[in-house]
């Protein structure tokens, strides 16, 4: 039995609330025997951390404040969803349009609520991947509307309505089933399926002129085979063809993420992270889990340092403060490096860069860690990057603002806000799409700092 799912969640512009929470929980069951949708589950959900929906969220999803106010919370709705899935009987495979619903939103919400991930969420299909490998997709990763058009259908209902999106995704799945397109999940129950010759024949299609779309299609075909028999990848980690080794790094990273033969994938990624080809190294490093020893190079010029640094920051910001601190203690972390951004041409301290990224990623704990490691917010104001401090204000992150307020000299606050007058700054703040209570807190925090900066 297939179950199509497409959450709607709290959202806003220019920045989503953190954490985002499910506000619409729709599912459609498809019986593969008749290749038709047979049952539906649909509930709205009352958010806990940000109970007031933004105007942007209501406009996008069509979900009104009164609707979520009258609904039960996520824990209760998830319990109802579990019972509904149990009633279907047999093994269930969840189908989503992309990875976000089950790889990002559901795990983060369960963690925030202190509950376990439901067992049914582990057996799933990303429809975009299946569709790309089908005759309809031709190697292209298409959005929902694009997939509908490719199979000769039009969207029915309201875009970004969870239940309407789910019904339209189900229509695509039924179309693929009727066309006998394979919609199998990761078939880990067949550990000896496939052969080295079979995956080798797939990799042999990776030629210099095959094109990006074809290369993507080949990678996902090989990924399917590697899910069945992960050991098949090992001989190809030393293949002479750079494109094959890059594909192996990508596949190993995906299998690592999905928990397939983790020890073997760890060894493969470790080998490929030292590959002579830069693209292979980058793919392998992106797939490696934290902590990663020796992931950052020794002190050098920015160009030598940037790729590893960028890769690490994207992953560092996903970890806990404790795990990141242990990671930083475990590597040969350089004190500084030569920056090449624009006209800087100067040495930048890595602790300052950690603080900058913590502000960009809206991670208060990481910002505190950077300050404890000796980061100096003044460096960014003096370099004309006071707008980074404004980012925290724009998101209404009062905790981040308090942290910065305690570490930045008052004389620099007016420069941090681009020399705005107090009246202009309050007017600018009033235009931000954040709660009025947060605006009042920000004014109370920054007003004395602004006056001190004028007297200095």
Protein backbone atom coordinates (compact mmCIF):
# COMPACT_ATOMS: atom_id res chain seq x y z
CA UNK A 1 0.00 0.00 0.00
CA UNK A 2 1.29 3.46 -0.91
CA UNK A 3 0.48 6.46 1.29
CA UNK A 4 1.01 9.91 -0.26
CA UNK A 5 1.81 12.68 2.22
CA UNK A 6 2.41 16.42 1.79
CA UNK A 7 2.61 18.56 4.94
CA UNK A 8 1.90 22.27 5.19
CA UNK A 9 3.86 24.09 7.88
CA UNK A 10 4.12 27.46 9.61
CA UNK A 11 6.03 29.92 7.43
CA UNK A 12 6.78 33.60 6.97
CA UNK A 13 8.91 35.95 4.92
CA UNK A 14 11.74 36.87 4.83
CA UNK A 15 12.45 34.14 7.42
CA UNK A 16 10.48 31.09 8.51
CA UNK A 17 9.78 30.56 12.22
CA UNK A 18 12.18 28.25 14.00
CA UNK A 19 11.06 25.55 14.51
CA UNK A 20 8.57 25.23 11.70
CA UNK A 21 5.53 23.17 12.69
CA UNK A 22 3.03 21.06 10.78
CA UNK A 23 -0.34 22.82 10.42
CA UNK A 24 -1.94 20.49 7.86
CA UNK A 25 -1.50 16.70 7.90
CA UNK A 26 -3.04 15.09 4.75
CA UNK A 27 -2.55 11.53 3.47
CA UNK A 28 -4.02 9.59 0.55
CA UNK A 29 -3.81 5.79 0.38
CA UNK A 30 -3.24 4.09 -3.00
CA UNK A 31 -3.90 0.40 -3.53
CA UNK A 32 -1.25 -0.82 -6.04
CA UNK A 33 -3.51 -3.75 -6.99
CA UNK A 34 -6.16 -1.45 -8.47
CA UNK A 35 -3.79 1.51 -9.01
CA UNK A 36 -6.29 3.95 -7.57
CA UNK A 37 -6.61 6.17 -4.48
CA UNK A 38 -8.86 4.40 -1.98
CA UNK A 39 -8.83 6.34 1.32
CA UNK A 40 -7.94 9.75 2.74
CA UNK A 41 -6.78 11.14 6.08
CA UNK A 42 -6.93 14.90 6.65
CA UNK A 43 -6.36 16.92 9.82
CA UNK A 44 -5.34 20.48 10.64
CA UNK A 45 -2.88 20.95 13.49
CA UNK A 46 -2.57 23.63 16.17
CA UNK A 47 1.08 24.82 16.38
CA UNK A 48 2.67 25.03 19.81
CA UNK A 49 5.74 27.28 19.50
CA UNK A 50 4.32 29.89 17.11
CA UNK A 51 0.53 29.62 17.55
CA UNK A 52 -0.24 32.77 15.50
CA UNK A 53 -0.10 32.19 11.74
CA UNK A 54 1.57 34.92 9.71
CA UNK A 55 -0.33 36.76 7.01
CA UNK A 56 2.11 35.26 4.51
CA UNK A 57 1.33 31.72 5.75
CA UNK A 58 -2.44 32.18 5.47
CA UNK A 59 -2.10 33.74 2.03
CA UNK A 60 0.15 30.89 0.82
CA UNK A 61 -1.69 27.89 2.29
CA UNK A 62 -5.24 29.23 2.62
CA UNK A 63 -5.28 28.03 6.25
CA UNK A 64 -7.03 30.50 8.58
CA UNK A 65 -6.10 31.21 12.20
CA UNK A 66 -9.52 30.02 13.38
CA UNK A 67 -8.92 26.66 11.68
CA UNK A 68 -5.74 25.83 13.59
CA UNK A 69 -7.12 27.30 16.83
CA UNK A 70 -9.97 24.79 16.64
CA UNK A 71 -7.62 21.86 15.93
CA UNK A 72 -5.69 19.53 18.24
CA UNK A 73 -1.91 19.60 18.63
CA UNK A 74 0.65 17.59 16.66
CA UNK A 75 1.05 14.75 19.17
CA UNK A 76 -2.67 13.95 19.05
CA UNK A 77 -2.89 14.22 15.25
CA UNK A 78 0.17 11.98 14.83
CA UNK A 79 -1.50 9.40 17.09
CA UNK A 80 -4.59 9.54 14.83
CA UNK A 81 -2.39 9.17 11.74
CA UNK A 82 -0.67 6.11 13.24
CA UNK A 83 -4.07 4.51 13.88
CA UNK A 84 -5.28 5.30 10.34
CA UNK A 85 -2.15 3.75 8.79
CA UNK A 86 -2.52 0.66 11.01
CA UNK A 87 -6.08 0.22 9.69
CA UNK A 88 -4.73 -0.01 6.13
CA UNK A 89 -3.04 -3.30 7.03
CA UNK A 90 0.18 -4.70 5.65
CA UNK A 91 3.36 -2.82 4.76
CA UNK A 92 3.06 0.85 3.90
CA UNK A 93 5.39 2.90 1.71
CA UNK A 94 5.13 6.69 2.12
CA UNK A 95 5.42 8.82 -1.04
CA UNK A 96 6.44 12.49 -0.83
CA UNK A 97 7.19 15.12 -3.47
CA UNK A 98 10.77 15.80 -2.38
CA UNK A 99 12.71 14.99 0.80
CA UNK A 100 11.69 17.92 3.01
CA UNK A 101 8.57 16.43 4.62
CA UNK A 102 10.23 13.30 6.02
CA UNK A 103 13.91 14.24 6.07
CA UNK A 104 13.57 17.70 7.62
CA UNK A 105 10.18 18.79 8.93
CA UNK A 106 8.97 15.59 10.62
CA UNK A 107 12.30 14.74 12.37
CA UNK A 108 12.73 18.31 13.64
CA UNK A 109 9.14 18.50 14.89
CA UNK A 110 9.35 15.13 16.66
CA UNK A 111 12.62 16.22 18.27
CA UNK A 112 11.11 19.55 19.38
CA UNK A 113 8.12 17.73 20.90
CA UNK A 114 10.27 15.01 22.50
CA UNK A 115 8.61 12.10 20.68
CA UNK A 116 9.88 9.26 18.51
CA UNK A 117 9.66 9.29 14.72
CA UNK A 118 6.79 7.06 13.59
CA UNK A 119 7.93 3.69 12.24
CA UNK A 120 6.07 4.19 8.97
CA UNK A 121 8.22 7.24 8.09
CA UNK A 122 11.33 5.11 7.46
CA UNK A 123 10.00 3.29 4.39
CA UNK A 124 9.49 5.99 1.79
CA UNK A 125 9.86 7.14 -1.80
CA UNK A 126 10.82 10.55 -3.12
CA UNK A 127 8.50 10.87 -6.11
CA UNK A 128 10.84 13.35 -7.81
CA UNK A 129 13.58 10.71 -7.95
CA UNK A 130 11.24 7.99 -9.26
CA UNK A 131 9.77 10.36 -11.82
CA UNK A 132 13.21 11.49 -13.03
CA UNK A 133 14.10 7.86 -13.81
CA UNK A 134 10.81 7.24 -15.62
CA UNK A 135 10.17 7.73 -19.37
CA UNK A 136 8.12 10.80 -18.42
CA UNK A 137 10.90 12.49 -16.45
CA UNK A 138 13.80 11.79 -18.82
CA UNK A 139 16.34 12.53 -16.09
CA UNK A 140 14.73 15.81 -15.04
CA UNK A 141 13.86 16.70 -11.44
CA UNK A 142 10.52 18.44 -11.85
CA UNK A 143 8.23 20.26 -9.43
CA UNK A 144 4.69 19.03 -8.89
CA UNK A 145 3.25 21.17 -11.69
CA UNK A 146 5.96 19.99 -14.10
CA UNK A 147 5.29 16.32 -13.33
CA UNK A 148 1.56 16.78 -13.86
CA UNK A 149 2.16 18.39 -17.24
CA UNK A 150 4.61 15.64 -18.24
CA UNK A 151 1.95 12.95 -17.72
CA UNK A 152 -0.79 15.01 -19.41
CA UNK A 153 -2.64 16.16 -16.27
CA UNK A 154 -3.55 19.57 -14.88
CA UNK A 155 -3.53 20.66 -11.25
CA UNK A 156 -6.87 20.25 -9.49
CA UNK A 157 -7.67 22.42 -6.46
CA UNK A 158 -5.64 25.10 -4.70
CA UNK A 159 -1.81 25.04 -4.87
CA UNK A 160 -0.21 24.80 -1.40
CA UNK A 161 -3.38 23.36 0.09
CA UNK A 162 -1.97 20.24 1.71
CA UNK A 163 -4.88 17.97 0.83
CA UNK A 164 -5.06 19.26 -2.77
CA UNK A 165 -1.31 18.87 -3.26
CA UNK A 166 -1.51 15.34 -1.83
CA UNK A 167 -4.38 14.37 -4.14
CA UNK A 168 -2.47 15.65 -7.17
CA UNK A 169 0.69 13.78 -6.13
CA UNK A 170 -1.47 10.65 -5.78
CA UNK A 171 -2.77 11.14 -9.33
CA UNK A 172 0.82 11.10 -10.61
CA UNK A 173 1.63 7.94 -8.63
CA UNK A 174 -1.46 6.20 -10.07
CA UNK A 175 -0.40 7.28 -13.57
CA UNK A 176 3.09 5.80 -13.04
CA UNK A 177 1.65 2.56 -11.65
CA UNK A 178 -0.67 2.20 -14.64
CA UNK A 179 2.33 2.77 -16.94
CA UNK A 180 4.13 0.02 -14.96
CA UNK A 181 6.89 2.39 -13.79
CA UNK A 182 8.72 0.82 -10.84
CA UNK A 183 7.88 2.64 -7.60
CA UNK A 184 9.88 0.49 -5.21
CA UNK A 185 11.35 1.88 -1.99
CA UNK A 186 14.86 1.03 -0.84
CA UNK A 187 14.53 -2.75 -0.99
CA UNK A 188 16.88 -3.56 1.89
CA UNK A 189 15.17 -6.92 2.33
CA UNK A 190 17.19 -8.23 -0.65
CA UNK A 191 20.83 -7.85 0.48
CA UNK A 192 22.30 -9.99 -2.30
CA UNK A 193 20.38 -8.57 -5.25
CA UNK A 194 22.23 -7.12 -8.23
CA UNK A 195 25.78 -7.72 -9.39
CA UNK A 196 29.03 -5.85 -10.00
CA UNK A 197 28.53 -6.29 -13.74
CA UNK A 198 25.07 -4.71 -13.52
CA UNK A 199 26.19 -1.59 -11.67
CA UNK A 200 29.34 -1.46 -13.83
CA UNK A 201 27.18 -1.31 -16.95
CA UNK A 202 25.33 1.66 -15.45
CA UNK A 203 28.55 3.49 -14.53
CA UNK A 204 29.95 2.82 -18.03
CA UNK A 205 27.35 5.28 -19.36
CA UNK A 206 29.10 8.14 -17.49
CA UNK A 207 31.09 9.61 -20.37
CA UNK A 208 32.56 13.14 -20.67
CA UNK A 209 29.85 14.23 -23.10
CA UNK A 210 26.81 12.58 -21.52
CA UNK A 211 25.43 15.83 -20.07
CA UNK A 212 24.26 16.79 -16.57
CA UNK A 213 20.69 15.44 -16.87
CA UNK A 214 21.92 12.07 -18.14
CA UNK A 215 24.58 11.91 -15.42
CA UNK A 216 21.91 12.55 -12.76
CA UNK A 217 19.71 9.79 -14.16
CA UNK A 218 22.66 7.37 -14.18
CA UNK A 219 23.58 8.25 -10.60
CA UNK A 220 20.07 7.45 -9.38
CA UNK A 221 19.94 4.20 -11.33
CA UNK A 222 23.20 3.20 -9.63
CA UNK A 223 21.82 4.37 -6.29
CA UNK A 224 18.90 1.94 -6.66
CA UNK A 225 21.30 -0.95 -7.26
CA UNK A 226 23.59 0.13 -4.42
CA UNK A 227 20.66 0.15 -1.99
CA UNK A 228 20.16 -3.53 -2.79
CA UNK A 229 23.85 -4.42 -2.53
CA UNK A 230 25.99 -1.66 -0.95
CA UNK A 231 29.16 -3.73 -1.30
CA UNK A 232 28.94 -3.24 -5.08
CA UNK A 233 30.25 0.33 -4.71
CA UNK A 234 33.66 -0.53 -3.28
CA UNK A 235 35.52 -1.51 -6.51
CA UNK A 236 34.38 1.71 -8.19
CA UNK A 237 35.83 4.02 -5.51
CA UNK A 238 39.20 3.68 -7.31
CA UNK A 239 37.85 3.75 -10.88
CA UNK A 240 39.95 5.69 -13.39
CA UNK A 241 36.91 7.71 -14.50
CA UNK A 242 36.55 10.84 -12.32
CA UNK A 243 32.81 10.93 -13.04
CA UNK A 244 32.38 7.40 -11.68
CA UNK A 245 34.24 8.22 -8.45
CA UNK A 246 32.16 11.39 -8.08
CA UNK A 247 28.99 9.31 -8.53
CA UNK A 248 30.22 6.82 -5.92
CA UNK A 249 30.81 9.70 -3.47
CA UNK A 250 27.28 10.99 -4.07
CA UNK A 251 25.71 7.53 -3.66
CA UNK A 252 27.73 6.73 -0.54
CA UNK A 253 26.61 10.02 0.99
CA UNK A 254 22.94 9.24 0.25
CA UNK A 255 23.24 5.73 1.69
CA UNK A 256 25.03 7.14 4.75
CA UNK A 257 22.18 9.59 5.29
CA UNK A 258 19.64 6.76 5.04
CA UNK A 259 21.56 4.51 7.43
CA UNK A 260 22.41 1.84 4.81
CA UNK A 261 25.60 -0.11 5.68
CA UNK A 262 27.02 2.88 7.57
CA UNK A 263 30.48 1.40 8.38
CA UNK A 264 31.13 0.59 4.73
CA UNK A 265 29.90 3.99 3.54
CA UNK A 266 32.08 5.72 6.17
CA UNK A 267 35.16 3.92 4.83
CA UNK A 268 34.28 4.78 1.22
CA UNK A 269 33.73 8.45 1.97
CA UNK A 270 37.00 8.62 3.94
CA UNK A 271 38.89 7.26 0.92
CA UNK A 272 37.13 9.55 -1.54
CA UNK A 273 37.61 12.64 0.66
CA UNK A 274 41.34 12.34 -0.18
CA UNK A 275 40.76 11.84 -3.91
CA UNK A 276 43.03 13.88 -6.24
CA UNK A 277 39.94 15.26 -8.02
CA UNK A 278 38.48 18.33 -6.24
CA UNK A 279 34.88 17.57 -7.25
CA UNK A 280 35.12 14.02 -5.90
CA UNK A 281 36.59 15.33 -2.63
CA UNK A 282 33.82 17.92 -2.29
CA UNK A 283 31.05 15.34 -2.84
CA UNK A 284 32.66 12.96 -0.33
CA UNK A 285 33.17 15.63 2.32
CA UNK A 286 29.54 16.76 1.92
CA UNK A 287 28.37 13.23 2.64
CA UNK A 288 30.49 12.62 5.72
CA UNK A 289 28.91 12.82 9.18
CA UNK A 290 30.06 15.00 12.07
CA UNK A 291 32.55 14.92 13.66
CA UNK A 292 35.01 14.94 10.77
CA UNK A 293 38.67 15.06 11.75
CA UNK A 294 41.05 16.90 9.43
CA UNK A 295 38.12 18.31 7.48
CA UNK A 296 39.59 21.83 7.57
CA UNK A 297 43.02 22.41 6.03
CA UNK A 298 45.87 24.14 7.86
CA UNK A 299 46.39 27.91 7.69
CA UNK A 300 46.47 29.00 4.08
CA UNK A 301 45.02 31.37 1.53
CA UNK A 302 41.24 31.79 1.36
CA UNK A 303 40.97 29.99 -1.99
CA UNK A 304 42.59 26.88 -0.49
CA UNK A 305 40.40 27.05 2.57
CA UNK A 306 36.99 28.08 1.27
CA UNK A 307 35.55 24.81 -0.07
CA UNK A 308 36.20 22.80 3.10
CA UNK A 309 35.08 25.74 5.25
CA UNK A 310 31.77 26.16 3.39
CA UNK A 311 31.05 22.44 3.51
CA UNK A 312 31.74 22.34 7.23
CA UNK A 313 29.57 25.34 8.06
CA UNK A 314 26.52 23.87 6.35
CA UNK A 315 26.93 20.76 8.49
CA UNK A 316 28.19 22.42 11.67
CA UNK A 317 25.04 24.50 11.91
CA UNK A 318 22.94 21.32 11.91
CA UNK A 319 24.65 19.90 15.01
CA UNK A 320 24.26 20.64 18.69
CA UNK A 321 26.54 23.18 20.34
CA UNK A 322 28.21 20.42 22.35
CA UNK A 323 28.93 18.27 19.30
CA UNK A 324 30.32 21.26 17.38
CA UNK A 325 32.54 22.27 20.29
CA UNK A 326 33.91 18.73 20.52
CA UNK A 327 34.44 18.76 16.77
CA UNK A 328 36.38 22.04 16.88
CA UNK A 329 38.56 20.61 19.65
CA UNK A 330 39.27 17.51 17.56
CA UNK A 331 40.62 19.22 14.41
CA UNK A 332 43.60 21.35 13.54
CA UNK A 333 41.47 24.49 13.37
CA UNK A 334 43.51 27.43 12.06
CA UNK A 335 43.56 30.68 14.01
CA UNK A 336 42.92 32.67 10.85
CA UNK A 337 43.14 32.60 7.08
CA UNK A 338 43.62 35.06 4.25
CA UNK A 339 40.22 36.26 3.05
CA UNK A 340 39.62 37.03 -0.58
CA UNK A 341 36.12 38.47 -0.41
CA UNK A 342 35.80 41.57 -2.55
CA UNK A 343 38.35 44.20 -1.54
CA UNK A 344 39.02 42.85 1.94
CA UNK A 345 42.40 41.28 1.19
CA UNK A 346 43.03 40.78 4.89
CA UNK A 347 43.35 38.08 7.50
CA UNK A 348 40.07 36.89 9.00
CA UNK A 349 39.90 35.06 12.30
CA UNK A 350 37.99 31.78 12.07
CA UNK A 351 36.12 32.50 15.30
CA UNK A 352 34.77 35.68 13.66
CA UNK A 353 33.66 33.64 10.63
CA UNK A 354 31.91 31.17 12.96
CA UNK A 355 30.03 34.08 14.55
CA UNK A 356 29.06 35.48 11.16
CA UNK A 357 27.60 32.14 10.05
CA UNK A 358 25.83 31.64 13.38
CA UNK A 359 24.03 34.96 12.80
CA UNK A 360 23.23 34.05 9.18
CA UNK A 361 21.87 30.63 10.23
CA UNK A 362 20.08 32.15 13.25
CA UNK A 363 21.85 29.89 15.79
CA UNK A 364 22.12 31.63 19.17
CA UNK A 365 24.00 28.77 20.80
CA UNK A 366 26.59 28.77 18.00
CA UNK A 367 27.00 32.54 18.30
CA UNK A 368 27.64 32.15 22.02
CA UNK A 369 30.22 29.43 21.26
CA UNK A 370 31.95 31.73 18.73
CA UNK A 371 32.12 34.54 21.29
CA UNK A 372 33.57 32.15 23.87
CA UNK A 373 36.16 31.18 21.24
CA UNK A 374 37.18 34.82 20.94
CA UNK A 375 35.01 36.14 18.11
CA UNK A 376 34.84 39.92 17.87
CA UNK A 377 31.63 41.41 16.39
CA UNK A 378 33.45 44.71 16.03
CA UNK A 379 35.47 43.25 13.16
CA UNK A 380 32.38 42.97 10.98
CA UNK A 381 31.10 46.44 11.78
CA UNK A 382 34.48 47.94 10.93
CA UNK A 383 34.49 46.03 7.63
CA UNK A 384 31.05 47.39 6.71
CA UNK A 385 29.20 44.21 7.64
CA UNK A 386 26.99 45.67 10.35
CA UNK A 387 24.06 44.40 8.31
CA UNK A 388 24.77 40.99 9.81
CA UNK A 389 23.66 42.38 13.15
CA UNK A 390 20.57 43.79 11.44
CA UNK A 391 19.71 40.26 10.29
CA UNK A 392 19.02 39.20 13.87
CA UNK A 393 16.77 42.22 14.26
CA UNK A 394 14.88 41.48 11.04
CA UNK A 395 14.04 38.01 12.33
CA UNK A 396 13.01 39.39 15.70
CA UNK A 397 15.54 37.12 17.42
CA UNK A 398 15.71 38.93 20.75
CA UNK A 399 18.03 36.27 22.24
CA UNK A 400 20.61 36.80 19.49
CA UNK A 401 20.29 40.57 19.82
CA UNK A 402 20.86 40.44 23.60
CA UNK A 403 23.93 38.27 23.06
CA UNK A 404 25.40 40.73 20.56
CA UNK A 405 24.40 43.74 22.65
CA UNK A 406 26.53 42.44 25.49
CA UNK A 407 29.62 42.04 23.32
CA UNK A 408 29.64 44.99 20.93
CA UNK A 409 30.85 48.40 22.11
CA UNK A 410 28.07 51.00 22.17
CA UNK A 411 30.03 53.40 19.94
CA UNK A 412 29.59 50.97 17.05
CA UNK A 413 25.83 50.49 17.21
CA UNK A 414 24.94 53.45 15.03
CA UNK A 415 27.43 52.20 12.44
CA UNK A 416 26.01 48.70 12.76
CA UNK A 417 22.66 50.11 11.68
CA UNK A 418 24.09 52.04 8.73
CA UNK A 419 24.08 55.38 10.58
CA UNK A 420 20.28 55.48 10.82
CA UNK A 421 18.75 58.07 13.12
CA UNK A 422 16.79 56.65 16.04
CA UNK A 423 13.47 57.72 14.49
CA UNK A 424 14.39 56.17 11.13
CA UNK A 425 15.48 52.97 12.81
CA UNK A 426 12.20 52.67 14.75
CA UNK A 427 10.28 53.36 11.52
CA UNK A 428 12.32 50.67 9.74
CA UNK A 429 11.65 48.27 12.61
CA UNK A 430 7.91 48.97 12.40
CA UNK A 431 7.87 47.74 8.80
CA UNK A 432 9.33 44.34 9.69
CA UNK A 433 6.96 41.37 9.73
CA UNK A 434 7.58 40.34 13.32
CA UNK A 435 5.32 40.31 16.37
CA UNK A 436 4.63 43.70 18.00
CA UNK A 437 5.81 42.32 21.35
CA UNK A 438 9.19 41.49 19.82
CA UNK A 439 9.42 44.93 18.27
CA UNK A 440 8.84 46.45 21.71
CA UNK A 441 11.54 44.22 23.21
CA UNK A 442 14.00 45.21 20.46
CA UNK A 443 13.32 48.92 20.94
CA UNK A 444 13.81 48.55 24.70
CA UNK A 445 17.11 46.76 24.09
CA UNK A 446 18.58 48.94 21.35
CA UNK A 447 17.36 52.42 22.29
CA UNK A 448 19.83 52.86 25.20
CA UNK A 449 22.63 51.46 23.02
CA UNK A 450 21.83 53.94 20.27
CA UNK A 451 21.92 56.88 22.73
CA UNK A 452 25.21 55.65 24.18
CA UNK A 453 26.66 55.48 20.69
CA UNK A 454 25.73 59.12 20.09
CA UNK A 455 27.41 60.24 23.31
CA UNK A 456 30.61 58.31 22.59
